[in-house]
């Protein structure tokens, strides 16, 4: 249940690329690699899913890889398909926020045939990190980074499986990681338990990247440090 609530918060507060973080938890170690299409991304980009997989982070200090990286068409990935199913199980006290906080209002739609790659990592204290790289034209990626959570949707309640949880969202001013970034934090409370999630969404040369950090002690500082490492790795590998 905790894993479901965590992914629900992600759905409501960040761009769809943050779906990657749902790859942790119960099924994270069992993720199967999707067959790579090997084709280039959308017009104006040049990266294949194989290239994106090679550009993912190695093991961050203190973390171990949770299963093999997943690469292929975005919409064919198991984590994305699981997310589509999750959407149908969620009830919100603010129904209008589902489309506003979870999507990218004013921004382009995500092409589910676009090449992408995902990797997840975990450490002993229950904390997990997930990185997603998705091939995307620079102007489209920039629009996703410019998306903001509406003020009315910064607090909400969600019900999954008959159990309600409370969510509080904070969003930092635009950042300068990569060629532009946004950082979003979500505190999820269910009963006596509180989980923190920090996401950094950034864009680089013809790709959009999302790094999520999940755990009871997750911090913005660590999430942004990991995002800088991810950006540096991508810049080293992607031409």
Foldseek 3Di string as FASTA:
>chain_A
DVLLLVLVVQQLAAAPLVLLVSCDDPNVLVFDADDWPPAAFDPQGGDTQVLQLQLFDDAPPQKDWRHHKHKYQQLPGPSNVVSVVSVVQKDKPDVVSSDQRRHQVPADDDDRRWIKMKTKIDHDQGKIKMKMKTFAHPVRLVSSQPGHRDPVSQWIWMDGPRFIKIKGKDWDPWDPQAPTKIKMKMWIGGPPDIKIKIKIWDDHHRMIMIMMMIGRPDDPVVSVVVSNVSNVSNVVRPD
